[in-house]
Amino acid sequence: MKKSLVILSALGLLLCACALRKRNAAATSEPVVEASKPAVEASVPATVTATLEAAYTVQHVTGSTQKICQLTGDNDRQTAQPTLNQTQSRYGVFGTDLGFSFLHDGRLYFLFGDTVGLHGGDSIAYSQDTNPDDCLDLTFVTGADGRYLPPKVPGISLGAFEVPVGGFSAGGSMSSSGMTYVFFTTDHTDEKVMGRSVLARSSDGARSFTYLYDVSTDKFINIAPVVVDNAAIPGLPESSGQGLLVFGTGTYRRSNPYLAFVPLASVEEHSAWLFYAGLDTSTVLGASPTSGLPRWSADEADAAPLFDHPCLGELSAAWNADLGKWLMFYNCALPRGITMRSADRPWGSWTDGEVIFQPWDDGGYCNFMHVSYQDRNCDSVQDPGRDDEWAGEYGPYIISSLARTHDGVTTVYFVMSTWNPYAVMLMKTDLRLVPAP
């Protein structure tokens, strides 16, 4: 009886969240799903020569995107088998989404949003598993009751759509001598989804957070931070030490992507932020725009889009050393699916988008993503009471530390949310370098 009450309570929270998100969907029979690189302990990237940059581009291996496992929940809806992590039985997590990840002290931390479970709120987990091909073993940050502990930031609302969207590590360990930083969204209203972003700090293993400052109400709401060695990326505002590259988007799923830089030593000072403001082509007389040096401004209003595709919300970006390229994954409505772009430098130029996962073409719908019974009866993976609600793909967060290359093909692992079932999937896809056209 107690278990039934817990499930019913969780479903009630889920239906409440459904109502909030459905206002953003177009009135069609199939959902319109529109669109964080994990920060790394190791420095990135090694500088790539101009010759190699010009000679090769990244190409997706058609048909290679696959679901590895369902990371959250107790039962994998597709296989009807118990999940590896048993998150409801062990931690009280019935369902959740997002899952931006970053490395800290040998652990890969995952930031989950809008968690349906015993305590509501959001949730944070970590893994020391290094073999993603048979799923990833998660351990959730828990409270005194042994169940998941929702992150809280004093003075900051963290209700529906107010979630942890990106994080990074600066320090040796999750103790008094090491710090973890997490970007949260807040100020959600019916008029504006995710109205503001803030930065918070934890020194106790993500069990508690201290508010540091407001980040943005404009172009940096969803945030994908990446720690870099400044000397490895000519054109950054600083040429030594470490820095934080911040990829961001503004109006929810209606934004182009933007870029900012913060010296890592000054990350707790909002005044230290500098925003990419385009290329200074005057530095190379008569040269093409891509040969100029980047301009940086202290004013967020000067931030220039990295490319024109105003559909982004959730995003991730990562440096892949084997490919020698920056990667960006995001979800979008046009074209529908998960889109990938690549670039030689964090500010670009970025390649045209390439869809690497489309739910009909790549085995999502009728397998691990629910198709509304009003359209057809081809699966039974939906959450209870959501027979007529479509699944949708979003939140493609690259797990850069797990990428591996074999026989000229680089496998990139990422998480992806599916909405119905309300769960996070571990995914993988294959990329390769091909001669540039």
Protein backbone atom coordinates (compact mmCIF):
# COMPACT_ATOMS: atom_id res chain seq x y z
CA MET A 1 0.00 0.00 0.00
CA LYS A 2 2.77 2.40 0.91
CA LYS A 3 4.52 1.73 -2.42
CA SER A 4 1.29 2.42 -4.31
CA LEU A 5 0.84 5.73 -2.55
CA VAL A 6 4.39 6.73 -3.41
CA ILE A 7 3.85 5.90 -7.07
CA LEU A 8 0.54 7.79 -7.20
CA SER A 9 2.17 10.79 -5.55
CA ALA A 10 5.00 10.68 -8.05
CA LEU A 11 2.58 10.48 -10.95
CA GLY A 12 0.70 13.47 -9.63
CA LEU A 13 3.89 15.51 -9.67
CA LEU A 14 4.66 14.24 -13.15
CA LEU A 15 1.26 15.25 -14.50
CA CYS A 16 1.75 18.70 -13.01
CA ALA A 17 5.07 18.99 -14.81
CA CYS A 18 3.42 17.74 -18.02
CA ALA A 19 0.90 20.55 -17.88
CA LEU A 20 3.69 23.12 -17.59
CA ARG A 21 5.65 21.81 -20.54
CA LYS A 22 2.74 21.15 -22.87
CA ARG A 23 2.08 24.88 -23.28
CA ASN A 24 5.29 25.04 -25.34
CA ALA A 25 4.29 22.33 -27.79
CA ALA A 26 2.67 23.10 -31.11
CA ALA A 27 -0.90 21.89 -31.62
CA THR A 28 0.01 18.90 -33.75
CA SER A 29 -0.53 15.16 -33.40
CA GLU A 30 3.19 14.69 -32.88
CA PRO A 31 5.15 16.84 -30.42
CA VAL A 32 7.39 19.65 -31.58
CA VAL A 33 10.62 19.11 -29.70
CA GLU A 34 13.12 21.89 -30.13
CA ALA A 35 16.27 22.44 -28.73
CA SER A 36 26.18 20.64 -21.69
CA LYS A 37 29.42 19.70 -22.38
CA PRO A 38 30.64 18.22 -19.22
CA ALA A 39 33.52 20.15 -17.74
CA VAL A 40 36.69 18.06 -17.57
CA GLU A 41 39.53 17.70 -15.12
CA ALA A 42 42.06 17.23 -17.91
CA SER A 43 42.98 20.31 -19.89
CA VAL A 44 41.65 20.75 -23.43
CA PRO A 45 42.48 21.00 -26.22
CA ALA A 46 45.80 20.33 -27.93
CA THR A 47 46.20 22.99 -30.60
CA VAL A 48 45.39 21.65 -34.06
CA THR A 49 47.41 22.81 -37.03
CA ALA A 50 45.76 24.98 -39.65
CA THR A 51 46.52 22.37 -42.31
CA LEU A 52 44.64 19.63 -40.47
CA GLU A 53 41.76 22.00 -39.71
CA ALA A 54 41.30 22.83 -43.36
CA ALA A 55 41.70 19.27 -44.59
CA TYR A 56 39.11 17.38 -42.53
CA THR A 57 35.60 17.74 -41.19
CA VAL A 58 33.49 15.58 -38.85
CA GLN A 59 30.87 13.28 -40.35
CA HIS A 60 28.23 11.29 -38.53
CA VAL A 61 28.11 7.57 -39.34
CA THR A 62 24.54 7.14 -40.57
CA GLY A 63 22.46 4.76 -38.46
CA SER A 64 25.02 4.49 -35.66
CA THR A 65 23.05 6.25 -32.90
CA GLN A 66 21.80 3.69 -30.39
CA LYS A 67 20.23 3.52 -26.97
CA ILE A 68 22.50 1.64 -24.56
CA CYS A 69 20.21 1.59 -21.54
CA GLN A 70 17.61 3.42 -19.51
CA LEU A 71 19.58 5.09 -16.73
CA THR A 72 16.69 6.03 -14.44
CA GLY A 73 13.59 4.32 -13.08
CA ASP A 74 13.22 0.73 -11.91
CA ASN A 75 12.17 -0.96 -15.14
CA ASP A 76 13.53 -0.48 -18.64
CA ARG A 77 10.27 0.10 -20.49
CA GLN A 78 11.60 -1.21 -23.80
CA THR A 79 13.11 -4.48 -22.56
CA ALA A 80 10.72 -5.04 -19.61
CA GLN A 81 13.81 -5.85 -17.54
CA PRO A 82 15.02 -4.23 -14.28
CA THR A 83 17.30 -1.25 -14.83
CA LEU A 84 20.86 -1.38 -13.58
CA ASN A 85 20.33 1.54 -11.21
CA GLN A 86 16.89 0.79 -9.71
CA THR A 87 16.53 4.47 -8.88
CA GLN A 88 13.00 4.28 -7.49
CA SER A 89 13.61 1.35 -5.14
CA ARG A 90 17.03 2.55 -3.99
CA TYR A 91 16.69 6.33 -4.01
CA GLY A 92 13.02 7.27 -4.46
CA VAL A 93 13.53 8.59 -8.01
CA PHE A 94 10.56 7.54 -10.16
CA GLY A 95 11.45 9.72 -13.13
CA THR A 96 13.70 12.62 -14.07
CA ASP A 97 15.29 14.36 -17.05
CA LEU A 98 18.37 16.28 -18.26
CA GLY A 99 21.67 14.93 -16.88
CA PHE A 100 24.49 17.36 -17.71
CA SER A 101 27.71 15.71 -16.50
CA PHE A 102 31.18 16.77 -15.42
CA LEU A 103 34.23 15.12 -13.86
CA HIS A 104 35.32 15.87 -10.33
CA ASP A 105 37.82 13.94 -8.20
CA GLY A 106 37.52 10.76 -10.28
CA ARG A 107 33.73 10.83 -10.29
CA LEU A 108 31.41 11.69 -13.13
CA TYR A 109 28.60 13.84 -11.70
CA PHE A 110 25.16 14.05 -13.33
CA LEU A 111 22.76 16.96 -12.79
CA PHE A 112 19.16 15.81 -13.18
CA GLY A 113 16.22 18.22 -13.38
CA ASP A 114 12.56 18.27 -12.31
CA THR A 115 12.72 14.93 -10.51
CA VAL A 116 9.50 13.04 -9.89
CA GLY A 117 10.01 11.20 -6.64
CA LEU A 118 9.71 11.25 -2.87
CA HIS A 119 11.08 14.76 -2.42
CA GLY A 120 10.26 16.57 -5.69
CA GLY A 121 12.87 19.11 -6.77
CA ASP A 122 15.94 17.98 -8.70
CA SER A 123 18.59 15.33 -8.08
CA ILE A 124 22.32 14.74 -8.44
CA ALA A 125 24.12 11.44 -8.96
CA TYR A 126 27.66 10.31 -9.69
CA SER A 127 29.41 7.36 -11.27
CA GLN A 128 32.89 5.84 -11.23
CA ASP A 129 31.94 3.39 -13.97
CA THR A 130 34.23 3.63 -17.00
CA ASN A 131 32.53 1.04 -19.23
CA PRO A 132 29.44 2.70 -20.72
CA ASP A 133 28.69 -0.07 -23.20
CA ASP A 134 26.91 -2.07 -20.49
CA CYS A 135 25.28 1.01 -18.91
CA LEU A 136 26.61 3.25 -16.12
CA ASP A 137 26.25 2.51 -12.41
CA LEU A 138 24.86 5.59 -10.63
CA THR A 139 25.00 6.57 -6.96
CA PHE A 140 22.70 9.42 -5.94
CA VAL A 141 23.57 12.13 -3.45
CA THR A 142 21.30 11.25 -0.54
CA GLY A 143 19.94 12.73 2.67
CA ALA A 144 19.58 11.22 6.14
CA ASP A 145 16.71 9.01 4.93
CA GLY A 146 18.92 7.38 2.32
CA ARG A 147 16.83 8.84 -0.51
CA TYR A 148 17.89 11.39 -3.10
CA LEU A 149 18.66 14.83 -1.74
CA PRO A 150 17.31 17.67 -3.92
CA PRO A 151 19.89 20.46 -4.34
CA LYS A 152 18.87 23.74 -2.72
CA VAL A 153 20.36 27.21 -3.09
CA PRO A 154 19.40 29.65 -0.31
CA GLY A 155 17.14 32.39 -1.62
CA ILE A 156 16.71 30.77 -5.06
CA SER A 157 13.46 29.16 -6.23
CA LEU A 158 14.00 25.66 -7.64
CA GLY A 159 10.55 24.52 -8.73
CA ALA A 160 9.44 23.21 -12.12
CA PHE A 161 11.75 24.35 -14.94
CA GLU A 162 14.15 25.69 -12.27
CA VAL A 163 16.93 23.16 -12.61
CA PRO A 164 20.70 22.55 -12.58
CA VAL A 165 21.81 22.99 -16.19
CA GLY A 166 25.62 22.82 -16.08
CA GLY A 167 28.52 22.30 -13.72
CA PHE A 168 32.29 22.16 -13.46
CA SER A 169 35.06 21.37 -11.02
CA ALA A 170 37.70 23.72 -9.65
CA GLY A 171 39.75 22.05 -6.95
CA GLY A 172 41.12 18.70 -5.91
CA SER A 173 38.20 16.93 -4.27
CA MET A 174 34.67 17.43 -3.03
CA SER A 175 35.81 18.56 0.39
CA SER A 176 36.76 21.83 2.03
CA SER A 177 39.77 22.01 -0.30
CA GLY A 178 37.87 21.54 -3.55
CA MET A 179 34.88 23.25 -5.07
CA THR A 180 32.08 22.23 -7.38
CA TYR A 181 30.17 24.91 -9.24
CA VAL A 182 26.68 24.48 -10.68
CA PHE A 183 24.59 26.79 -12.85
CA PHE A 184 20.87 26.75 -11.99
CA THR A 185 17.91 28.27 -13.79
CA THR A 186 15.20 30.04 -11.78
CA ASP A 187 12.41 32.64 -12.10
CA HIS A 188 10.23 30.40 -14.26
CA THR A 189 6.83 31.89 -15.15
CA ASP A 190 4.05 31.19 -17.63
CA GLU A 191 5.34 34.14 -19.64
CA LYS A 192 9.03 33.20 -19.62
CA VAL A 193 10.47 29.71 -19.33
CA MET A 194 13.68 29.75 -17.27
CA GLY A 195 13.89 33.47 -16.62
CA ARG A 196 17.28 33.74 -14.94
CA SER A 197 20.46 31.74 -14.35
CA VAL A 198 22.61 31.79 -11.22
CA LEU A 199 25.94 30.28 -10.17
CA ALA A 200 26.25 28.35 -6.90
CA ARG A 201 29.16 26.64 -5.14
CA SER A 202 29.39 23.42 -3.15
CA SER A 203 32.23 22.25 -0.95
CA ASP A 204 30.55 19.17 0.57
CA GLY A 205 29.91 16.75 -2.26
CA ALA A 206 26.93 18.59 -3.77
CA ARG A 207 24.93 18.21 -0.56
CA SER A 208 24.55 21.95 -0.03
CA PHE A 209 25.15 25.05 -2.13
CA THR A 210 26.04 28.69 -1.60
CA TYR A 211 24.63 31.32 -3.95
CA LEU A 212 27.38 33.33 -5.66
CA TYR A 213 25.73 35.65 -8.19
CA ASP A 214 23.14 36.10 -10.93
CA VAL A 215 24.58 35.07 -14.28
CA SER A 216 22.06 36.22 -16.89
CA THR A 217 18.47 37.03 -17.78
CA ASP A 218 19.34 37.27 -21.46
CA LYS A 219 21.73 35.09 -23.51
CA PHE A 220 23.14 32.64 -20.94
CA ILE A 221 20.20 30.82 -19.32
CA ASN A 222 20.94 27.23 -20.40
CA ILE A 223 24.67 26.86 -19.90
CA ALA A 224 27.35 24.35 -20.95
CA PRO A 225 30.68 25.13 -19.22
CA VAL A 226 34.06 23.69 -20.28
CA VAL A 227 37.34 24.07 -18.34
CA VAL A 228 40.32 24.69 -20.66
CA ASP A 229 44.04 25.45 -20.64
CA ASN A 230 44.21 28.98 -22.01
CA ALA A 231 47.55 28.51 -23.77
CA ALA A 232 46.07 25.72 -25.92
CA ILE A 233 43.49 28.01 -27.54
CA PRO A 234 45.05 31.08 -29.18
CA GLY A 235 42.58 33.94 -29.21
CA LEU A 236 41.30 33.63 -25.65
CA PRO A 237 41.50 36.78 -23.49
CA GLU A 238 44.23 35.13 -21.39
CA SER A 239 47.16 33.09 -22.69
CA SER A 240 48.17 31.26 -19.49
CA GLY A 241 46.46 29.48 -16.63
CA GLN A 242 43.04 27.87 -16.88
CA GLY A 243 39.79 29.37 -18.05
CA LEU A 244 36.12 28.53 -18.26
CA LEU A 245 34.43 28.59 -21.65
CA VAL A 246 30.69 29.07 -21.25
CA PHE A 247 28.39 28.11 -24.11
CA GLY A 248 24.91 29.49 -23.52
CA THR A 249 21.44 30.04 -24.92
CA GLY A 250 18.78 32.59 -24.02
CA THR A 251 15.04 32.48 -24.75
CA TYR A 252 14.02 28.87 -24.16
CA ARG A 253 14.24 26.84 -27.37
CA ARG A 254 14.17 30.05 -29.39
CA SER A 255 17.82 31.05 -29.13
CA ASN A 256 21.06 31.04 -31.05
CA PRO A 257 24.13 29.87 -29.07
CA TYR A 258 26.61 32.31 -27.49
CA LEU A 259 30.06 32.07 -25.89
CA ALA A 260 31.70 33.64 -22.85
CA PHE A 261 35.07 33.29 -21.11
CA VAL A 262 35.97 33.55 -17.41
CA PRO A 263 39.44 33.08 -15.89
CA LEU A 264 39.02 30.03 -13.68
CA ALA A 265 40.73 31.76 -10.76
CA SER A 266 38.11 34.54 -10.97
CA VAL A 267 35.05 32.42 -11.59
CA GLU A 268 33.38 33.67 -8.39
CA GLU A 269 33.46 37.24 -9.72
CA HIS A 270 30.73 38.07 -12.21
CA SER A 271 32.69 41.13 -13.28
CA ALA A 272 35.36 38.79 -14.73
CA TRP A 273 33.06 37.50 -17.49
CA LEU A 274 33.95 38.40 -21.07
CA PHE A 275 31.65 37.72 -24.01
CA TYR A 276 32.61 36.66 -27.53
CA ALA A 277 31.59 39.61 -29.72
CA GLY A 278 32.52 38.36 -33.18
CA LEU A 279 35.70 38.30 -35.23
CA ASP A 280 37.96 41.29 -35.75
CA THR A 281 38.66 40.94 -39.47
CA SER A 282 40.68 44.15 -39.50
CA THR A 283 43.61 42.25 -37.95
CA VAL A 284 44.24 40.47 -41.25
CA LEU A 285 43.92 42.87 -44.19
CA GLY A 286 41.87 41.42 -46.99
CA ALA A 287 41.48 38.04 -45.31
CA SER A 288 38.28 36.04 -44.91
CA PRO A 289 36.31 36.53 -41.66
CA THR A 290 37.39 33.17 -40.26
CA SER A 291 41.03 34.27 -40.19
CA GLY A 292 40.42 37.20 -37.83
CA LEU A 293 40.92 37.19 -34.08
CA PRO A 294 37.95 37.00 -31.72
CA ARG A 295 36.78 40.17 -29.99
CA TRP A 296 35.77 40.03 -26.31
CA SER A 297 33.47 42.42 -24.49
CA ALA A 298 32.57 42.92 -20.83
CA ASP A 299 28.98 43.67 -21.90
CA GLU A 300 26.66 40.68 -22.44
CA ALA A 301 24.65 42.77 -24.90
CA ASP A 302 27.63 42.57 -27.27
CA ALA A 303 27.62 38.77 -27.33
CA ALA A 304 27.45 37.57 -30.93
CA PRO A 305 25.74 34.31 -31.99
CA LEU A 306 28.08 31.46 -32.91
CA PHE A 307 25.78 30.55 -35.80
CA ASP A 308 22.22 31.24 -36.91
CA HIS A 309 19.78 28.54 -35.80
CA PRO A 310 17.36 30.17 -33.33
CA CYS A 311 15.85 27.00 -31.88
CA LEU A 312 18.29 26.10 -29.12
CA GLY A 313 17.54 25.56 -25.45
CA GLU A 314 19.36 22.64 -23.85
CA LEU A 315 22.82 22.12 -25.35
CA SER A 316 26.21 20.57 -24.71
CA ALA A 317 29.66 21.29 -26.11
CA ALA A 318 32.91 19.35 -25.81
CA TRP A 319 36.42 19.13 -27.19
CA ASN A 320 37.21 15.73 -28.70
CA ALA A 321 40.95 15.18 -28.82
CA ASP A 322 40.78 12.19 -31.19
CA LEU A 323 38.84 14.16 -33.78
CA GLY A 324 40.70 17.38 -33.02
CA LYS A 325 37.38 19.22 -33.09
CA TRP A 326 34.85 20.93 -30.86
CA LEU A 327 31.44 19.24 -30.88
CA MET A 328 28.03 20.67 -30.05
CA PHE A 329 24.82 18.64 -29.59
CA TYR A 330 21.37 20.18 -29.22
CA ASN A 331 17.71 19.40 -29.87
CA CYS A 332 15.62 21.38 -32.31
CA ALA A 333 12.23 21.36 -34.04
CA LEU A 334 13.48 22.27 -37.52
CA PRO A 335 15.03 19.97 -38.44
CA ARG A 336 13.46 17.61 -35.92
CA GLY A 337 15.85 15.60 -33.75
CA ILE A 338 19.27 15.85 -32.14
CA THR A 339 21.62 18.03 -34.17
CA MET A 340 25.44 17.93 -34.18
CA ARG A 341 27.86 20.63 -35.30
CA SER A 342 31.65 20.76 -35.14
CA ALA A 343 34.32 23.45 -35.20
CA ASP A 344 38.09 23.89 -34.95
CA ARG A 345 37.79 26.68 -32.37
CA PRO A 346 35.13 27.27 -29.73
CA TRP A 347 33.88 30.38 -31.57
CA GLY A 348 33.81 28.58 -34.93
CA SER A 349 33.28 28.68 -37.69
CA TRP A 350 30.79 25.90 -36.90
CA THR A 351 29.74 23.41 -39.57
CA ASP A 352 26.19 23.14 -40.82
CA GLY A 353 23.97 21.07 -38.54
CA GLU A 354 23.68 17.33 -39.09
CA VAL A 355 20.85 15.35 -37.47
CA ILE A 356 22.34 12.40 -35.59
CA PHE A 357 19.11 11.14 -34.01
CA GLN A 358 15.59 11.32 -35.44
CA PRO A 359 13.03 9.40 -33.37
CA TRP A 360 11.33 7.69 -36.32
CA ASP A 361 14.44 6.99 -38.37
CA ASP A 362 16.72 5.89 -35.54
CA GLY A 363 14.54 3.48 -33.60
CA GLY A 364 13.20 5.81 -30.91
CA TYR A 365 9.47 5.75 -31.53
CA CYS A 366 7.71 2.41 -31.03
CA ASN A 367 10.77 1.15 -29.14
CA PHE A 368 11.91 3.28 -26.19
CA MET A 369 9.90 6.43 -26.98
CA HIS A 370 6.11 6.33 -26.75
CA VAL A 371 3.82 6.96 -29.69
CA SER A 372 0.39 8.30 -28.73
CA TYR A 373 -2.30 5.64 -28.86
CA GLN A 374 -4.40 8.18 -30.74
CA ASP A 375 -1.96 7.71 -33.63
CA ARG A 376 -1.13 4.01 -33.40
CA ASN A 377 -0.57 1.22 -30.88
CA CYS A 378 3.05 0.18 -31.41
CA ASP A 379 4.60 0.23 -27.91
CA SER A 380 3.85 0.05 -24.21
CA VAL A 381 6.73 2.10 -22.83
CA GLN A 382 4.65 5.06 -21.62
CA ASP A 383 4.29 6.20 -18.02
CA PRO A 384 1.01 5.18 -16.32
CA GLY A 385 -1.86 7.42 -17.39
CA ARG A 386 0.02 8.90 -20.38
CA ASP A 387 -1.23 6.63 -23.18
CA ASP A 388 -2.04 9.54 -25.49
CA GLU A 389 1.03 11.69 -24.81
CA TRP A 390 3.89 11.59 -27.29
CA ALA A 391 7.50 11.12 -26.28
CA GLY A 392 10.06 13.70 -27.38
CA GLU A 393 13.86 13.81 -27.46
CA TYR A 394 15.78 16.58 -25.67
CA GLY A 395 18.76 17.27 -23.42
CA PRO A 396 21.58 15.62 -25.43
CA TYR A 397 24.49 16.05 -23.02
CA ILE A 398 27.85 14.76 -24.25
CA ILE A 399 29.92 12.69 -21.78
CA SER A 400 33.30 13.66 -23.18
CA SER A 401 35.47 11.60 -20.82
CA LEU A 402 33.99 8.34 -22.15
CA ALA A 403 34.66 8.90 -25.87
CA ARG A 404 36.85 6.31 -27.55
CA THR A 405 38.28 5.76 -31.03
CA HIS A 406 38.81 2.48 -32.89
CA ASP A 407 39.68 1.89 -36.55
CA GLY A 408 39.19 5.54 -37.40
CA VAL A 409 35.72 5.80 -35.84
CA THR A 410 35.14 7.82 -32.67
CA THR A 411 32.25 6.72 -30.46
CA VAL A 412 30.70 9.55 -28.47
CA TYR A 413 28.45 8.80 -25.49
CA PHE A 414 25.68 11.11 -24.35
CA VAL A 415 22.48 11.14 -22.33
CA MET A 416 19.09 12.03 -23.79
CA SER A 417 15.71 12.59 -22.17
CA THR A 418 12.58 11.08 -23.73
CA TRP A 419 9.67 12.79 -21.87
CA ASN A 420 7.40 9.71 -22.09
CA PRO A 421 8.66 7.62 -20.46
CA TYR A 422 9.96 10.39 -18.23
CA ALA A 423 13.48 8.98 -18.08
CA VAL A 424 17.06 9.56 -19.14
CA MET A 425 18.66 7.23 -21.68
CA LEU A 426 22.35 6.53 -22.16
CA MET A 427 23.10 6.81 -25.88
CA LYS A 428 26.05 6.46 -28.22
CA THR A 429 26.85 7.51 -31.76
CA ASP A 430 29.79 7.19 -34.16
CA LEU A 431 31.71 10.03 -35.82
CA ARG A 432 34.66 10.08 -38.21
CA LEU A 433 36.91 12.54 -39.97
CA VAL A 434 36.45 12.87 -43.71
CA PRO A 435 38.18 15.15 -46.23
CA ALA A 436 36.62 18.57 -46.27
CA PRO A 437 34.65 19.34 -49.45
